[in-house]
Amino acid sequence: MAETQTTILVAPTMNCAVCPITVRKALEKVEGVEHVSTEFESRTITVMFDDAKTSISTLTKTTANAGYPSKVKGDSTNEQ
């Protein structure tokens, strides 16, 4: 059964005011993404998505393809 999931991604290379817009537009094109919000100051991306249609892996690949590699906030491999 599909459920709406929310994840917070960190994209350290979002370093200009246009970067979050680029990331948001790329993620909004992913099937299953229901809502995207970006925070330039904290370089975070909050994504609500249908886990039956997409995955966190797809979301991070999408941000990387847009030029902004990201990881799940709090991931132990994420440099803080």
PDB file of N, CA and C in Angstrom:
ATOM      1  N   MET A   1       0.832  -1.183   0.000  1.00  0.00           N
ATOM      2  CA  MET A   1       0.000   0.000   0.000  1.00  0.00           C
ATOM      3  C   MET A   1       0.881   1.254   0.000  1.00  0.00           C
ATOM      4  N   ALA A   2       0.596   2.155  -0.882  1.00  0.00           N
ATOM      5  CA  ALA A   2       1.388   3.377  -1.017  1.00  0.00           C
ATOM      6  C   ALA A   2       1.123   4.329   0.139  1.00  0.00           C
ATOM      7  N   GLU A   3       2.181   4.962   0.556  1.00  0.00           N
ATOM      8  CA  GLU A   3       2.061   5.961   1.606  1.00  0.00           C
ATOM      9  C   GLU A   3       2.842   7.204   1.217  1.00  0.00           C
ATOM     10  N   THR A   4       2.373   8.337   1.695  1.00  0.00           N
ATOM     11  CA  THR A   4       3.116   9.572   1.477  1.00  0.00           C
ATOM     12  C   THR A   4       4.234   9.626   2.499  1.00  0.00           C
ATOM     13  N   GLN A   5       5.440   9.830   2.007  1.00  0.00           N
ATOM     14  CA  GLN A   5       6.617   9.941   2.859  1.00  0.00           C
ATOM     15  C   GLN A   5       7.147  11.368   2.760  1.00  0.00           C
ATOM     16  N   THR A   6       7.820  11.804   3.796  1.00  0.00           N
ATOM     17  CA  THR A   6       8.488  13.102   3.767  1.00  0.00           C
ATOM     18  C   THR A   6       9.945  12.870   4.128  1.00  0.00           C
ATOM     19  N   THR A   7      10.832  13.452   3.338  1.00  0.00           N
ATOM     20  CA  THR A   7      12.253  13.364   3.639  1.00  0.00           C
ATOM     21  C   THR A   7      12.876  14.748   3.507  1.00  0.00           C
ATOM     22  N   ILE A   8      13.949  14.943   4.236  1.00  0.00           N
ATOM     23  CA  ILE A   8      14.698  16.199   4.138  1.00  0.00           C
ATOM     24  C   ILE A   8      16.073  15.857   3.581  1.00  0.00           C
ATOM     25  N   LEU A   9      16.396  16.494   2.465  1.00  0.00           N
ATOM     26  CA  LEU A   9      17.685  16.310   1.831  1.00  0.00           C
ATOM     27  C   LEU A   9      18.550  17.539   2.081  1.00  0.00           C
ATOM     28  N   VAL A  10      19.862  17.328   2.131  1.00  0.00           N
ATOM     29  CA  VAL A  10      20.815  18.423   2.268  1.00  0.00           C
ATOM     30  C   VAL A  10      21.622  18.480   0.979  1.00  0.00           C
ATOM     31  N   ALA A  11      21.679  19.672   0.373  1.00  0.00           N
ATOM     32  CA  ALA A  11      22.437  19.890  -0.857  1.00  0.00           C
ATOM     33  C   ALA A  11      23.428  21.031  -0.610  1.00  0.00           C
ATOM     34  N   PRO A  12      24.628  20.711  -0.144  1.00  0.00           N
ATOM     35  CA  PRO A  12      25.600  21.749   0.239  1.00  0.00           C
ATOM     36  C   PRO A  12      26.000  22.687  -0.891  1.00  0.00           C
ATOM     37  N   THR A  13      25.841  22.259  -2.145  1.00  0.00           N
ATOM     38  CA  THR A  13      26.284  23.108  -3.251  1.00  0.00           C
ATOM     39  C   THR A  13      25.219  24.094  -3.723  1.00  0.00           C
ATOM     40  N   MET A  14      24.068  24.144  -3.052  1.00  0.00           N
ATOM     41  CA  MET A  14      23.063  25.176  -3.379  1.00  0.00           C
ATOM     42  C   MET A  14      23.568  26.488  -2.795  1.00  0.00           C
ATOM     43  N   ASN A  15      24.358  27.223  -3.570  1.00  0.00           N
ATOM     44  CA  ASN A  15      25.017  28.391  -3.002  1.00  0.00           C
ATOM     45  C   ASN A  15      24.620  29.721  -3.642  1.00  0.00           C
ATOM     46  N   CYS A  16      23.523  29.738  -4.385  1.00  0.00           N
ATOM     47  CA  CYS A  16      23.021  31.014  -4.908  1.00  0.00           C
ATOM     48  C   CYS A  16      21.496  30.997  -4.839  1.00  0.00           C
ATOM     49  N   ALA A  17      20.894  32.136  -5.003  1.00  0.00           N
ATOM     50  CA  ALA A  17      19.437  32.245  -4.853  1.00  0.00           C
ATOM     51  C   ALA A  17      18.665  31.460  -5.903  1.00  0.00           C
ATOM     52  N   VAL A  18      19.277  31.182  -7.053  1.00  0.00           N
ATOM     53  CA  VAL A  18      18.591  30.458  -8.128  1.00  0.00           C
ATOM     54  C   VAL A  18      18.682  28.944  -7.927  1.00  0.00           C
ATOM     55  N   CYS A  19      19.692  28.475  -7.216  1.00  0.00           N
ATOM     56  CA  CYS A  19      19.898  27.037  -7.027  1.00  0.00           C
ATOM     57  C   CYS A  19      18.659  26.307  -6.482  1.00  0.00           C
ATOM     58  N   PRO A  20      18.043  26.792  -5.406  1.00  0.00           N
ATOM     59  CA  PRO A  20      16.865  26.088  -4.883  1.00  0.00           C
ATOM     60  C   PRO A  20      15.720  26.008  -5.891  1.00  0.00           C
ATOM     61  N   ILE A  21      15.587  27.013  -6.736  1.00  0.00           N
ATOM     62  CA  ILE A  21      14.529  26.998  -7.753  1.00  0.00           C
ATOM     63  C   ILE A  21      14.803  25.886  -8.757  1.00  0.00           C
ATOM     64  N   THR A  22      16.048  25.769  -9.179  1.00  0.00           N
ATOM     65  CA  THR A  22      16.445  24.723 -10.121  1.00  0.00           C
ATOM     66  C   THR A  22      16.173  23.342  -9.541  1.00  0.00           C
ATOM     67  N   VAL A  23      16.559  23.138  -8.287  1.00  0.00           N
ATOM     68  CA  VAL A  23      16.356  21.851  -7.616  1.00  0.00           C
ATOM     69  C   VAL A  23      14.864  21.547  -7.481  1.00  0.00           C
ATOM     70  N   ARG A  24      14.096  22.537  -7.054  1.00  0.00           N
ATOM     71  CA  ARG A  24      12.651  22.335  -6.868  1.00  0.00           C
ATOM     72  C   ARG A  24      11.986  21.943  -8.181  1.00  0.00           C
ATOM     73  N   LYS A  25      12.308  22.657  -9.257  1.00  0.00           N
ATOM     74  CA  LYS A  25      11.693  22.360 -10.555  1.00  0.00           C
ATOM     75  C   LYS A  25      12.061  20.959 -11.038  1.00  0.00           C
ATOM     76  N   ALA A  26      13.297  20.538 -10.814  1.00  0.00           N
ATOM     77  CA  ALA A  26      13.716  19.191 -11.218  1.00  0.00           C
ATOM     78  C   ALA A  26      12.947  18.133 -10.438  1.00  0.00           C
ATOM     79  N   LEU A  27      12.816  18.321  -9.128  1.00  0.00           N
ATOM     80  CA  LEU A  27      12.116  17.337  -8.296  1.00  0.00           C
ATOM     81  C   LEU A  27      10.621  17.295  -8.592  1.00  0.00           C
ATOM     82  N   GLU A  28      10.036  18.437  -8.918  1.00  0.00           N
ATOM     83  CA  GLU A  28       8.601  18.467  -9.215  1.00  0.00           C
ATOM     84  C   GLU A  28       8.247  17.653 -10.460  1.00  0.00           C
ATOM     85  N   LYS A  29       9.233  17.371 -11.309  1.00  0.00           N
ATOM     86  CA  LYS A  29       9.004  16.573 -12.520  1.00  0.00           C
ATOM     87  C   LYS A  29       9.018  15.072 -12.252  1.00  0.00           C
ATOM     88  N   VAL A  30       9.475  14.668 -11.079  1.00  0.00           N
ATOM     89  CA  VAL A  30       9.564  13.253 -10.740  1.00  0.00           C
ATOM     90  C   VAL A  30       8.170  12.718 -10.413  1.00  0.00           C
ATOM     91  N   GLU A  31       7.788  11.632 -11.076  1.00  0.00           N
ATOM     92  CA  GLU A  31       6.480  11.025 -10.812  1.00  0.00           C
ATOM     93  C   GLU A  31       6.416  10.591  -9.348  1.00  0.00           C
ATOM     94  N   GLY A  32       5.334  10.955  -8.691  1.00  0.00           N
ATOM     95  CA  GLY A  32       5.140  10.590  -7.294  1.00  0.00           C
ATOM     96  C   GLY A  32       5.477  11.705  -6.311  1.00  0.00           C
ATOM     97  N   VAL A  33       6.202  12.724  -6.767  1.00  0.00           N
ATOM     98  CA  VAL A  33       6.523  13.848  -5.882  1.00  0.00           C
ATOM     99  C   VAL A  33       5.270  14.711  -5.741  1.00  0.00           C
ATOM    100  N   GLU A  34       4.874  14.938  -4.497  1.00  0.00           N
ATOM    101  CA  GLU A  34       3.648  15.683  -4.220  1.00  0.00           C
ATOM    102  C   GLU A  34       3.918  17.138  -3.842  1.00  0.00           C
ATOM    103  N   HIS A  35       5.046  17.383  -3.174  1.00  0.00           N
ATOM    104  CA  HIS A  35       5.368  18.750  -2.742  1.00  0.00           C
ATOM    105  C   HIS A  35       6.868  18.864  -2.513  1.00  0.00           C
ATOM    106  N   VAL A  36       7.429  20.004  -2.900  1.00  0.00           N
ATOM    107  CA  VAL A  36       8.848  20.284  -2.672  1.00  0.00           C
ATOM    108  C   VAL A  36       8.973  21.686  -2.099  1.00  0.00           C
ATOM    109  N   SER A  37       9.758  21.827  -1.045  1.00  0.00           N
ATOM    110  CA  SER A  37      10.105  23.160  -0.561  1.00  0.00           C
ATOM    111  C   SER A  37      11.610  23.182  -0.313  1.00  0.00           C
ATOM    112  N   THR A  38      12.212  24.321  -0.599  1.00  0.00           N
ATOM    113  CA  THR A  38      13.655  24.451  -0.430  1.00  0.00           C
ATOM    114  C   THR A  38      13.966  25.594   0.524  1.00  0.00           C
ATOM    115  N   GLU A  39      15.058  25.443   1.236  1.00  0.00           N
ATOM    116  CA  GLU A  39      15.547  26.470   2.156  1.00  0.00           C
ATOM    117  C   GLU A  39      16.968  26.807   1.749  1.00  0.00           C
ATOM    118  N   PHE A  40      17.140  27.963   1.133  1.00  0.00           N
ATOM    119  CA  PHE A  40      18.468  28.362   0.675  1.00  0.00           C
ATOM    120  C   PHE A  40      19.450  28.488   1.835  1.00  0.00           C
ATOM    121  N   GLU A  41      19.040  29.128   2.915  1.00  0.00           N
ATOM    122  CA  GLU A  41      19.940  29.396   4.037  1.00  0.00           C
ATOM    123  C   GLU A  41      20.502  28.110   4.647  1.00  0.00           C
ATOM    124  N   SER A  42      19.662  27.095   4.814  1.00  0.00           N
ATOM    125  CA  SER A  42      20.111  25.837   5.422  1.00  0.00           C
ATOM    126  C   SER A  42      20.504  24.799   4.377  1.00  0.00           C
ATOM    127  N   ARG A  43      20.303  25.145   3.100  1.00  0.00           N
ATOM    128  CA  ARG A  43      20.612  24.249   1.981  1.00  0.00           C
ATOM    129  C   ARG A  43      19.881  22.919   2.097  1.00  0.00           C
ATOM    130  N   THR A  44      18.612  22.999   2.536  1.00  0.00           N
ATOM    131  CA  THR A  44      17.808  21.788   2.678  1.00  0.00           C
ATOM    132  C   THR A  44      16.645  21.787   1.697  1.00  0.00           C
ATOM    133  N   ILE A  45      16.197  20.575   1.399  1.00  0.00           N
ATOM    134  CA  ILE A  45      15.085  20.347   0.484  1.00  0.00           C
ATOM    135  C   ILE A  45      14.132  19.384   1.182  1.00  0.00           C
ATOM    136  N   THR A  46      12.906  19.800   1.385  1.00  0.00           N
ATOM    137  CA  THR A  46      11.894  18.927   1.977  1.00  0.00           C
ATOM    138  C   THR A  46      11.012  18.409   0.850  1.00  0.00           C
ATOM    139  N   VAL A  47      10.889  17.088   0.771  1.00  0.00           N
ATOM    140  CA  VAL A  47      10.135  16.469  -0.317  1.00  0.00           C
ATOM    141  C   VAL A  47       9.080  15.530   0.254  1.00  0.00           C
ATOM    142  N   MET A  48       7.823  15.745  -0.162  1.00  0.00           N
ATOM    143  CA  MET A  48       6.739  14.812   0.144  1.00  0.00           C
ATOM    144  C   MET A  48       6.509  14.000  -1.129  1.00  0.00           C
ATOM    145  N   PHE A  49       6.480  12.662  -0.987  1.00  0.00           N
ATOM    146  CA  PHE A  49       6.357  11.822  -2.172  1.00  0.00           C
ATOM    147  C   PHE A  49       5.612  10.534  -1.869  1.00  0.00           C
ATOM    148  N   ASP A  50       5.071   9.947  -2.920  1.00  0.00           N
ATOM    149  CA  ASP A  50       4.375   8.664  -2.856  1.00  0.00           C
ATOM    150  C   ASP A  50       5.435   7.579  -2.993  1.00  0.00           C
ATOM    151  N   ASP A  51       5.632   6.794  -1.935  1.00  0.00           N
ATOM    152  CA  ASP A  51       6.714   5.811  -1.955  1.00  0.00           C
ATOM    153  C   ASP A  51       6.447   4.617  -2.873  1.00  0.00           C
ATOM    154  N   ALA A  52       5.250   4.551  -3.450  1.00  0.00           N
ATOM    155  CA  ALA A  52       4.968   3.500  -4.432  1.00  0.00           C
ATOM    156  C   ALA A  52       5.395   3.938  -5.833  1.00  0.00           C
ATOM    157  N   LYS A  53       5.625   5.237  -6.007  1.00  0.00           N
ATOM    158  CA  LYS A  53       5.961   5.761  -7.328  1.00  0.00           C
ATOM    159  C   LYS A  53       7.403   6.233  -7.456  1.00  0.00           C
ATOM    160  N   THR A  54       8.037   6.564  -6.337  1.00  0.00           N
ATOM    161  CA  THR A  54       9.432   7.013  -6.392  1.00  0.00           C
ATOM    162  C   THR A  54      10.120   6.641  -5.089  1.00  0.00           C
ATOM    163  N   SER A  55      11.419   6.902  -5.029  1.00  0.00           N
ATOM    164  CA  SER A  55      12.208   6.533  -3.853  1.00  0.00           C
ATOM    165  C   SER A  55      13.197   7.653  -3.519  1.00  0.00           C
ATOM    166  N   ILE A  56      13.757   7.567  -2.338  1.00  0.00           N
ATOM    167  CA  ILE A  56      14.764   8.553  -1.944  1.00  0.00           C
ATOM    168  C   ILE A  56      15.952   8.486  -2.896  1.00  0.00           C
ATOM    169  N   SER A  57      16.302   7.298  -3.328  1.00  0.00           N
ATOM    170  CA  SER A  57      17.404   7.147  -4.279  1.00  0.00           C
ATOM    171  C   SER A  57      17.134   7.925  -5.563  1.00  0.00           C
ATOM    172  N   THR A  58      15.914   7.842  -6.056  1.00  0.00           N
ATOM    173  CA  THR A  58      15.539   8.585  -7.266  1.00  0.00           C
ATOM    174  C   THR A  58      15.606  10.090  -7.009  1.00  0.00           C
ATOM    175  N   LEU A  59      15.169  10.513  -5.837  1.00  0.00           N
ATOM    176  CA  LEU A  59      15.195  11.941  -5.506  1.00  0.00           C
ATOM    177  C   LEU A  59      16.622  12.470  -5.455  1.00  0.00           C
ATOM    178  N   THR A  60      17.529  11.719  -4.824  1.00  0.00           N
ATOM    179  CA  THR A  60      18.917  12.187  -4.740  1.00  0.00           C
ATOM    180  C   THR A  60      19.594  12.148  -6.108  1.00  0.00           C
ATOM    181  N   LYS A  61      19.247  11.166  -6.941  1.00  0.00           N
ATOM    182  CA  LYS A  61      19.780  11.129  -8.309  1.00  0.00           C
ATOM    183  C   LYS A  61      19.281  12.330  -9.105  1.00  0.00           C
ATOM    184  N   THR A  62      18.033  12.709  -8.885  1.00  0.00           N
ATOM    185  CA  THR A  62      17.458  13.854  -9.598  1.00  0.00           C
ATOM    186  C   THR A  62      18.170  15.143  -9.223  1.00  0.00           C
ATOM    187  N   THR A  63      18.438  15.342  -7.933  1.00  0.00           N
ATOM    188  CA  THR A  63      19.145  16.570  -7.540  1.00  0.00           C
ATOM    189  C   THR A  63      20.572  16.568  -8.096  1.00  0.00           C
ATOM    190  N   ALA A  64      21.215  15.406  -8.094  1.00  0.00           N
ATOM    191  CA  ALA A  64      22.579  15.311  -8.644  1.00  0.00           C
ATOM    192  C   ALA A  64      22.570  15.611 -10.142  1.00  0.00           C
ATOM    193  N   ASN A  65      21.590  15.080 -10.859  1.00  0.00           N
ATOM    194  CA  ASN A  65      21.484  15.332 -12.293  1.00  0.00           C
ATOM    195  C   ASN A  65      21.229  16.808 -12.582  1.00  0.00           C
ATOM    196  N   ALA A  66      20.597  17.504 -11.640  1.00  0.00           N
ATOM    197  CA  ALA A  66      20.347  18.941 -11.795  1.00  0.00           C
ATOM    198  C   ALA A  66      21.588  19.754 -11.419  1.00  0.00           C
ATOM    199  N   GLY A  67      22.626  19.069 -10.935  1.00  0.00           N
ATOM    200  CA  GLY A  67      23.874  19.748 -10.588  1.00  0.00           C
ATOM    201  C   GLY A  67      24.075  19.974  -9.104  1.00  0.00           C
ATOM    202  N   TYR A  68      23.191  19.398  -8.282  1.00  0.00           N
ATOM    203  CA  TYR A  68      23.255  19.630  -6.837  1.00  0.00           C
ATOM    204  C   TYR A  68      23.148  18.306  -6.078  1.00  0.00           C
ATOM    205  N   PRO A  69      24.269  17.603  -5.910  1.00  0.00           N
ATOM    206  CA  PRO A  69      24.221  16.332  -5.174  1.00  0.00           C
ATOM    207  C   PRO A  69      23.640  16.546  -3.773  1.00  0.00           C
ATOM    208  N   SER A  70      22.859  15.581  -3.323  1.00  0.00           N
ATOM    209  CA  SER A  70      22.231  15.696  -2.005  1.00  0.00           C
ATOM    210  C   SER A  70      22.256  14.364  -1.283  1.00  0.00           C
ATOM    211  N   LYS A  71      22.081  14.453   0.026  1.00  0.00           N
ATOM    212  CA  LYS A  71      21.968  13.274   0.885  1.00  0.00           C
ATOM    213  C   LYS A  71      20.863  13.531   1.881  1.00  0.00           C
ATOM    214  N   VAL A  72      20.344  12.452   2.442  1.00  0.00           N
ATOM    215  CA  VAL A  72      19.313  12.581   3.465  1.00  0.00           C
ATOM    216  C   VAL A  72      19.923  13.249   4.688  1.00  0.00           C
ATOM    217  N   LYS A  73      19.224  14.262   5.202  1.00  0.00           N
ATOM    218  CA  LYS A  73      19.696  14.967   6.403  1.00  0.00           C
ATOM    219  C   LYS A  73      19.782  13.974   7.553  1.00  0.00           C
ATOM    220  N   GLY A  74      20.888  14.016   8.250  1.00  0.00           N
ATOM    221  CA  GLY A  74      21.077  13.105   9.378  1.00  0.00           C
ATOM    222  C   GLY A  74      21.714  11.791   8.987  1.00  0.00           C
ATOM    223  N   ASP A  75      21.896  11.540   7.688  1.00  0.00           N
ATOM    224  CA  ASP A  75      22.565  10.334   7.211  1.00  0.00           C
ATOM    225  C   ASP A  75      23.993  10.353   7.775  1.00  0.00           C
ATOM    226  N   SER A  76      24.437   9.250   8.306  1.00  0.00           N
ATOM    227  CA  SER A  76      25.761   9.211   8.927  1.00  0.00           C
ATOM    228  C   SER A  76      26.889   9.477   7.940  1.00  0.00           C
ATOM    229  N   THR A  77      26.629   9.311   6.638  1.00  0.00           N
ATOM    230  CA  THR A  77      27.652   9.590   5.632  1.00  0.00           C
ATOM    231  C   THR A  77      27.620  11.046   5.192  1.00  0.00           C
ATOM    232  N   ASN A  78      26.664  11.816   5.725  1.00  0.00           N
ATOM    233  CA  ASN A  78      26.516  13.230   5.358  1.00  0.00           C
ATOM    234  C   ASN A  78      27.452  14.081   6.198  1.00  0.00           C
ATOM    235  N   GLU A  79      28.295  14.854   5.536  1.00  0.00           N
ATOM    236  CA  GLU A  79      29.176  15.761   6.275  1.00  0.00           C
ATOM    237  C   GLU A  79      28.370  16.962   6.760  1.00  0.00           C
ATOM    238  N   GLN A  80      28.494  17.274   8.013  1.00  0.00           N
ATOM    239  CA  GLN A  80      27.715  18.357   8.599  1.00  0.00           C
ATOM    240  C   GLN A  80      28.516  19.617   8.671  1.00  0.00           C
TER     241      GLN A  80
END
